[in-house]
Amino acid sequence: MAEGQKYLALGLKFAASIVFFMLAGLALDRWLGWTPILTLVGTVVGAVLSFLNIYWALIRDEPGSQR
């Protein structure tokens, strides 16, 4: 069960960071009047960083990993 909780936490972190960066981009768009440029950039940046975070966590947890 602990393994499942670890991967559930990774999934929630993935979703939360995408939403966070999207909302940050939306707030900057509304402040600067650039809608929707920064919202799209924030969403893409959040998705890429989230994917890399999960990828590195899974590589680190792989049996026989040196990290």
PDB file of N, CA and C in Angstrom:
ATOM      1  N   MET A   1       0.817  -1.191   0.000  1.00  0.00           N
ATOM      2  CA  MET A   1       0.000   0.000   0.000  1.00  0.00           C
ATOM      3  C   MET A   1       0.867   1.264   0.000  1.00  0.00           C
ATOM      4  N   ALA A   2       2.019   1.203   0.636  1.00  0.00           N
ATOM      5  CA  ALA A   2       2.897   2.372   0.674  1.00  0.00           C
ATOM      6  C   ALA A   2       3.391   2.728  -0.730  1.00  0.00           C
ATOM      7  N   GLU A   3       3.631   1.722  -1.584  1.00  0.00           N
ATOM      8  CA  GLU A   3       4.050   1.993  -2.957  1.00  0.00           C
ATOM      9  C   GLU A   3       2.976   2.771  -3.707  1.00  0.00           C
ATOM     10  N   GLY A   4       1.738   2.369  -3.525  1.00  0.00           N
ATOM     11  CA  GLY A   4       0.637   3.051  -4.198  1.00  0.00           C
ATOM     12  C   GLY A   4       0.496   4.488  -3.740  1.00  0.00           C
ATOM     13  N   GLN A   5       0.709   4.731  -2.465  1.00  0.00           N
ATOM     14  CA  GLN A   5       0.613   6.093  -1.944  1.00  0.00           C
ATOM     15  C   GLN A   5       1.712   6.980  -2.508  1.00  0.00           C
ATOM     16  N   LYS A   6       2.892   6.409  -2.700  1.00  0.00           N
ATOM     17  CA  LYS A   6       3.998   7.182  -3.257  1.00  0.00           C
ATOM     18  C   LYS A   6       3.668   7.631  -4.684  1.00  0.00           C
ATOM     19  N   TYR A   7       3.099   6.716  -5.470  1.00  0.00           N
ATOM     20  CA  TYR A   7       2.776   7.061  -6.849  1.00  0.00           C
ATOM     21  C   TYR A   7       1.541   7.960  -6.934  1.00  0.00           C
ATOM     22  N   LEU A   8       0.629   7.825  -6.001  1.00  0.00           N
ATOM     23  CA  LEU A   8      -0.507   8.742  -5.938  1.00  0.00           C
ATOM     24  C   LEU A   8      -0.013  10.151  -5.635  1.00  0.00           C
ATOM     25  N   ALA A   9       0.934  10.265  -4.718  1.00  0.00           N
ATOM     26  CA  ALA A   9       1.502  11.571  -4.395  1.00  0.00           C
ATOM     27  C   ALA A   9       2.201  12.183  -5.599  1.00  0.00           C
ATOM     28  N   LEU A  10       2.914  11.364  -6.373  1.00  0.00           N
ATOM     29  CA  LEU A  10       3.564  11.870  -7.583  1.00  0.00           C
ATOM     30  C   LEU A  10       2.531  12.389  -8.585  1.00  0.00           C
ATOM     31  N   GLY A  11       1.438  11.658  -8.739  1.00  0.00           N
ATOM     32  CA  GLY A  11       0.381  12.091  -9.654  1.00  0.00           C
ATOM     33  C   GLY A  11      -0.271  13.386  -9.208  1.00  0.00           C
ATOM     34  N   LEU A  12      -0.494  13.520  -7.913  1.00  0.00           N
ATOM     35  CA  LEU A  12      -1.088  14.756  -7.400  1.00  0.00           C
ATOM     36  C   LEU A  12      -0.134  15.934  -7.556  1.00  0.00           C
ATOM     37  N   LYS A  13       1.157  15.691  -7.336  1.00  0.00           N
ATOM     38  CA  LYS A  13       2.147  16.752  -7.547  1.00  0.00           C
ATOM     39  C   LYS A  13       2.183  17.175  -9.009  1.00  0.00           C
ATOM     40  N   PHE A  14       2.075  16.198  -9.906  1.00  0.00           N
ATOM     41  CA  PHE A  14       2.065  16.479 -11.342  1.00  0.00           C
ATOM     42  C   PHE A  14       0.908  17.418 -11.682  1.00  0.00           C
ATOM     43  N   ALA A  15      -0.282  17.049 -11.242  1.00  0.00           N
ATOM     44  CA  ALA A  15      -1.470  17.859 -11.549  1.00  0.00           C
ATOM     45  C   ALA A  15      -1.414  19.222 -10.870  1.00  0.00           C
ATOM     46  N   ALA A  16      -0.978  19.246  -9.615  1.00  0.00           N
ATOM     47  CA  ALA A  16      -0.950  20.506  -8.869  1.00  0.00           C
ATOM     48  C   ALA A  16       0.031  21.502  -9.470  1.00  0.00           C
ATOM     49  N   SER A  17       1.193  21.031  -9.923  1.00  0.00           N
ATOM     50  CA  SER A  17       2.136  21.982 -10.490  1.00  0.00           C
ATOM     51  C   SER A  17       1.682  22.521 -11.830  1.00  0.00           C
ATOM     52  N   ILE A  18       1.000  21.703 -12.617  1.00  0.00           N
ATOM     53  CA  ILE A  18       0.462  22.225 -13.877  1.00  0.00           C
ATOM     54  C   ILE A  18      -0.582  23.301 -13.586  1.00  0.00           C
ATOM     55  N   VAL A  19      -1.468  23.024 -12.656  1.00  0.00           N
ATOM     56  CA  VAL A  19      -2.507  24.003 -12.303  1.00  0.00           C
ATOM     57  C   VAL A  19      -1.877  25.266 -11.722  1.00  0.00           C
ATOM     58  N   PHE A  20      -0.866  25.107 -10.869  1.00  0.00           N
ATOM     59  CA  PHE A  20      -0.208  26.268 -10.264  1.00  0.00           C
ATOM     60  C   PHE A  20       0.415  27.172 -11.332  1.00  0.00           C
ATOM     61  N   PHE A  21       1.183  26.583 -12.254  1.00  0.00           N
ATOM     62  CA  PHE A  21       1.826  27.389 -13.288  1.00  0.00           C
ATOM     63  C   PHE A  21       0.805  27.999 -14.243  1.00  0.00           C
ATOM     64  N   MET A  22      -0.281  27.284 -14.519  1.00  0.00           N
ATOM     65  CA  MET A  22      -1.323  27.830 -15.369  1.00  0.00           C
ATOM     66  C   MET A  22      -1.975  29.046 -14.708  1.00  0.00           C
ATOM     67  N   LEU A  23      -2.283  28.922 -13.410  1.00  0.00           N
ATOM     68  CA  LEU A  23      -2.907  30.041 -12.703  1.00  0.00           C
ATOM     69  C   LEU A  23      -1.952  31.224 -12.548  1.00  0.00           C
ATOM     70  N   ALA A  24      -0.669  30.931 -12.373  1.00  0.00           N
ATOM     71  CA  ALA A  24       0.314  32.015 -12.313  1.00  0.00           C
ATOM     72  C   ALA A  24       0.371  32.745 -13.659  1.00  0.00           C
ATOM     73  N   GLY A  25       0.353  31.997 -14.748  1.00  0.00           N
ATOM     74  CA  GLY A  25       0.330  32.614 -16.074  1.00  0.00           C
ATOM     75  C   GLY A  25      -0.941  33.410 -16.308  1.00  0.00           C
ATOM     76  N   LEU A  26      -2.062  32.877 -15.841  1.00  0.00           N
ATOM     77  CA  LEU A  26      -3.332  33.593 -15.979  1.00  0.00           C
ATOM     78  C   LEU A  26      -3.313  34.902 -15.195  1.00  0.00           C
ATOM     79  N   ALA A  27      -2.771  34.869 -13.989  1.00  0.00           N
ATOM     80  CA  ALA A  27      -2.689  36.087 -13.171  1.00  0.00           C
ATOM     81  C   ALA A  27      -1.789  37.128 -13.845  1.00  0.00           C
ATOM     82  N   LEU A  28      -0.658  36.679 -14.383  1.00  0.00           N
ATOM     83  CA  LEU A  28       0.230  37.608 -15.088  1.00  0.00           C
ATOM     84  C   LEU A  28      -0.425  38.141 -16.357  1.00  0.00           C
ATOM     85  N   ASP A  29      -1.163  37.298 -17.056  1.00  0.00           N
ATOM     86  CA  ASP A  29      -1.885  37.747 -18.257  1.00  0.00           C
ATOM     87  C   ASP A  29      -2.882  38.847 -17.929  1.00  0.00           C
ATOM     88  N   ARG A  30      -3.626  38.628 -16.885  1.00  0.00           N
ATOM     89  CA  ARG A  30      -4.633  39.643 -16.514  1.00  0.00           C
ATOM     90  C   ARG A  30      -3.963  40.925 -16.049  1.00  0.00           C
ATOM     91  N   TRP A  31      -2.855  40.804 -15.356  1.00  0.00           N
ATOM     92  CA  TRP A  31      -2.152  41.977 -14.856  1.00  0.00           C
ATOM     93  C   TRP A  31      -1.524  42.771 -16.004  1.00  0.00           C
ATOM     94  N   LEU A  32      -0.921  42.063 -16.965  1.00  0.00           N
ATOM     95  CA  LEU A  32      -0.243  42.720 -18.077  1.00  0.00           C
ATOM     96  C   LEU A  32      -1.130  42.928 -19.298  1.00  0.00           C
ATOM     97  N   GLY A  33      -2.291  42.259 -19.330  1.00  0.00           N
ATOM     98  CA  GLY A  33      -3.196  42.386 -20.466  1.00  0.00           C
ATOM     99  C   GLY A  33      -2.750  41.626 -21.701  1.00  0.00           C
ATOM    100  N   TRP A  34      -2.053  40.516 -21.516  1.00  0.00           N
ATOM    101  CA  TRP A  34      -1.504  39.748 -22.635  1.00  0.00           C
ATOM    102  C   TRP A  34      -2.287  38.483 -22.937  1.00  0.00           C
ATOM    103  N   THR A  35      -3.465  38.337 -22.451  1.00  0.00           N
ATOM    104  CA  THR A  35      -4.220  37.084 -22.543  1.00  0.00           C
ATOM    105  C   THR A  35      -4.175  36.504 -23.942  1.00  0.00           C
ATOM    106  N   PRO A  36      -3.975  35.261 -24.158  1.00  0.00           N
ATOM    107  CA  PRO A  36      -3.697  34.112 -23.293  1.00  0.00           C
ATOM    108  C   PRO A  36      -2.241  33.644 -23.344  1.00  0.00           C
ATOM    109  N   ILE A  37      -1.320  34.493 -23.762  1.00  0.00           N
ATOM    110  CA  ILE A  37       0.058  34.074 -24.004  1.00  0.00           C
ATOM    111  C   ILE A  37       0.695  33.444 -22.771  1.00  0.00           C
ATOM    112  N   LEU A  38       0.700  34.143 -21.651  1.00  0.00           N
ATOM    113  CA  LEU A  38       1.383  33.632 -20.458  1.00  0.00           C
ATOM    114  C   LEU A  38       0.645  32.459 -19.819  1.00  0.00           C
ATOM    115  N   THR A  39      -0.647  32.373 -20.031  1.00  0.00           N
ATOM    116  CA  THR A  39      -1.386  31.206 -19.544  1.00  0.00           C
ATOM    117  C   THR A  39      -0.905  29.950 -20.262  1.00  0.00           C
ATOM    118  N   LEU A  40      -0.744  30.045 -21.567  1.00  0.00           N
ATOM    119  CA  LEU A  40      -0.245  28.907 -22.339  1.00  0.00           C
ATOM    120  C   LEU A  40       1.199  28.573 -21.977  1.00  0.00           C
ATOM    121  N   VAL A  41       2.025  29.594 -21.834  1.00  0.00           N
ATOM    122  CA  VAL A  41       3.426  29.374 -21.465  1.00  0.00           C
ATOM    123  C   VAL A  41       3.511  28.736 -20.083  1.00  0.00           C
ATOM    124  N   GLY A  42       2.743  29.236 -19.140  1.00  0.00           N
ATOM    125  CA  GLY A  42       2.733  28.668 -17.792  1.00  0.00           C
ATOM    126  C   GLY A  42       2.279  27.221 -17.780  1.00  0.00           C
ATOM    127  N   THR A  43       1.283  26.897 -18.582  1.00  0.00           N
ATOM    128  CA  THR A  43       0.794  25.518 -18.646  1.00  0.00           C
ATOM    129  C   THR A  43       1.856  24.586 -19.220  1.00  0.00           C
ATOM    130  N   VAL A  44       2.516  25.019 -20.276  1.00  0.00           N
ATOM    131  CA  VAL A  44       3.554  24.188 -20.894  1.00  0.00           C
ATOM    132  C   VAL A  44       4.752  24.037 -19.955  1.00  0.00           C
ATOM    133  N   VAL A  45       5.180  25.120 -19.338  1.00  0.00           N
ATOM    134  CA  VAL A  45       6.306  25.053 -18.398  1.00  0.00           C
ATOM    135  C   VAL A  45       5.965  24.150 -17.226  1.00  0.00           C
ATOM    136  N   GLY A  46       4.756  24.286 -16.687  1.00  0.00           N
ATOM    137  CA  GLY A  46       4.335  23.425 -15.582  1.00  0.00           C
ATOM    138  C   GLY A  46       4.307  21.960 -15.977  1.00  0.00           C
ATOM    139  N   ALA A  47       3.838  21.660 -17.180  1.00  0.00           N
ATOM    140  CA  ALA A  47       3.784  20.273 -17.643  1.00  0.00           C
ATOM    141  C   ALA A  47       5.183  19.690 -17.827  1.00  0.00           C
ATOM    142  N   VAL A  48       6.077  20.470 -18.420  1.00  0.00           N
ATOM    143  CA  VAL A  48       7.443  19.983 -18.647  1.00  0.00           C
ATOM    144  C   VAL A  48       8.168  19.764 -17.331  1.00  0.00           C
ATOM    145  N   LEU A  49       8.093  20.733 -16.435  1.00  0.00           N
ATOM    146  CA  LEU A  49       8.769  20.591 -15.142  1.00  0.00           C
ATOM    147  C   LEU A  49       8.178  19.451 -14.321  1.00  0.00           C
ATOM    148  N   SER A  50       6.870  19.284 -14.388  1.00  0.00           N
ATOM    149  CA  SER A  50       6.225  18.183 -13.667  1.00  0.00           C
ATOM    150  C   SER A  50       6.654  16.839 -14.225  1.00  0.00           C
ATOM    151  N   PHE A  51       6.707  16.734 -15.551  1.00  0.00           N
ATOM    152  CA  PHE A  51       7.140  15.492 -16.170  1.00  0.00           C
ATOM    153  C   PHE A  51       8.575  15.161 -15.770  1.00  0.00           C
ATOM    154  N   LEU A  52       9.455  16.156 -15.806  1.00  0.00           N
ATOM    155  CA  LEU A  52      10.846  15.922 -15.423  1.00  0.00           C
ATOM    156  C   LEU A  52      10.963  15.513 -13.961  1.00  0.00           C
ATOM    157  N   ASN A  53      10.187  16.133 -13.101  1.00  0.00           N
ATOM    158  CA  ASN A  53      10.197  15.784 -11.679  1.00  0.00           C
ATOM    159  C   ASN A  53       9.787  14.330 -11.479  1.00  0.00           C
ATOM    160  N   ILE A  54       8.737  13.898 -12.139  1.00  0.00           N
ATOM    161  CA  ILE A  54       8.282  12.512 -12.011  1.00  0.00           C
ATOM    162  C   ILE A  54       9.297  11.556 -12.638  1.00  0.00           C
ATOM    163  N   TYR A  55       9.842  11.918 -13.778  1.00  0.00           N
ATOM    164  CA  TYR A  55      10.836  11.074 -14.438  1.00  0.00           C
ATOM    165  C   TYR A  55      12.041  10.849 -13.527  1.00  0.00           C
ATOM    166  N   TRP A  56      12.565  11.927 -12.935  1.00  0.00           N
ATOM    167  CA  TRP A  56      13.728  11.805 -12.055  1.00  0.00           C
ATOM    168  C   TRP A  56      13.388  11.001 -10.806  1.00  0.00           C
ATOM    169  N   ALA A  57      12.176  11.176 -10.273  1.00  0.00           N
ATOM    170  CA  ALA A  57      11.772  10.405  -9.093  1.00  0.00           C
ATOM    171  C   ALA A  57      11.671   8.918  -9.418  1.00  0.00           C
ATOM    172  N   LEU A  58      11.140   8.583 -10.571  1.00  0.00           N
ATOM    173  CA  LEU A  58      11.024   7.170 -10.951  1.00  0.00           C
ATOM    174  C   LEU A  58      12.385   6.552 -11.246  1.00  0.00           C
ATOM    175  N   ILE A  59      13.273   7.317 -11.870  1.00  0.00           N
ATOM    176  CA  ILE A  59      14.635   6.816 -12.114  1.00  0.00           C
ATOM    177  C   ILE A  59      15.351   6.590 -10.781  1.00  0.00           C
ATOM    178  N   ARG A  60      15.178   7.508  -9.850  1.00  0.00           N
ATOM    179  CA  ARG A  60      15.813   7.407  -8.536  1.00  0.00           C
ATOM    180  C   ARG A  60      15.303   6.186  -7.774  1.00  0.00           C
ATOM    181  N   ASP A  61      14.035   5.836  -7.927  1.00  0.00           N
ATOM    182  CA  ASP A  61      13.434   4.714  -7.213  1.00  0.00           C
ATOM    183  C   ASP A  61      13.644   3.374  -7.891  1.00  0.00           C
ATOM    184  N   GLU A  62      14.218   3.389  -9.084  1.00  0.00           N
ATOM    185  CA  GLU A  62      14.428   2.147  -9.827  1.00  0.00           C
ATOM    186  C   GLU A  62      15.447   1.258  -9.091  1.00  0.00           C
ATOM    187  N   PRO A  63      15.149  -0.035  -9.008  1.00  0.00           N
ATOM    188  CA  PRO A  63      16.108  -0.939  -8.339  1.00  0.00           C
ATOM    189  C   PRO A  63      17.470  -0.913  -9.027  1.00  0.00           C
ATOM    190  N   GLY A  64      18.514  -0.849  -8.223  1.00  0.00           N
ATOM    191  CA  GLY A  64      19.869  -0.829  -8.764  1.00  0.00           C
ATOM    192  C   GLY A  64      20.343   0.553  -9.152  1.00  0.00           C
ATOM    193  N   SER A  65      19.541   1.589  -8.875  1.00  0.00           N
ATOM    194  CA  SER A  65      19.911   2.950  -9.211  1.00  0.00           C
ATOM    195  C   SER A  65      21.033   3.427  -8.297  1.00  0.00           C
ATOM    196  N   GLN A  66      21.972   4.201  -8.840  1.00  0.00           N
ATOM    197  CA  GLN A  66      23.090   4.711  -8.074  1.00  0.00           C
ATOM    198  C   GLN A  66      22.759   5.992  -7.341  1.00  0.00           C
ATOM    199  N   ARG A  67      21.651   6.635  -7.675  1.00  0.00           N
ATOM    200  CA  ARG A  67      21.305   7.922  -7.058  1.00  0.00           C
ATOM    201  C   ARG A  67      20.725   7.744  -5.717  1.00  0.00           C
TER     202      ARG A  67
END
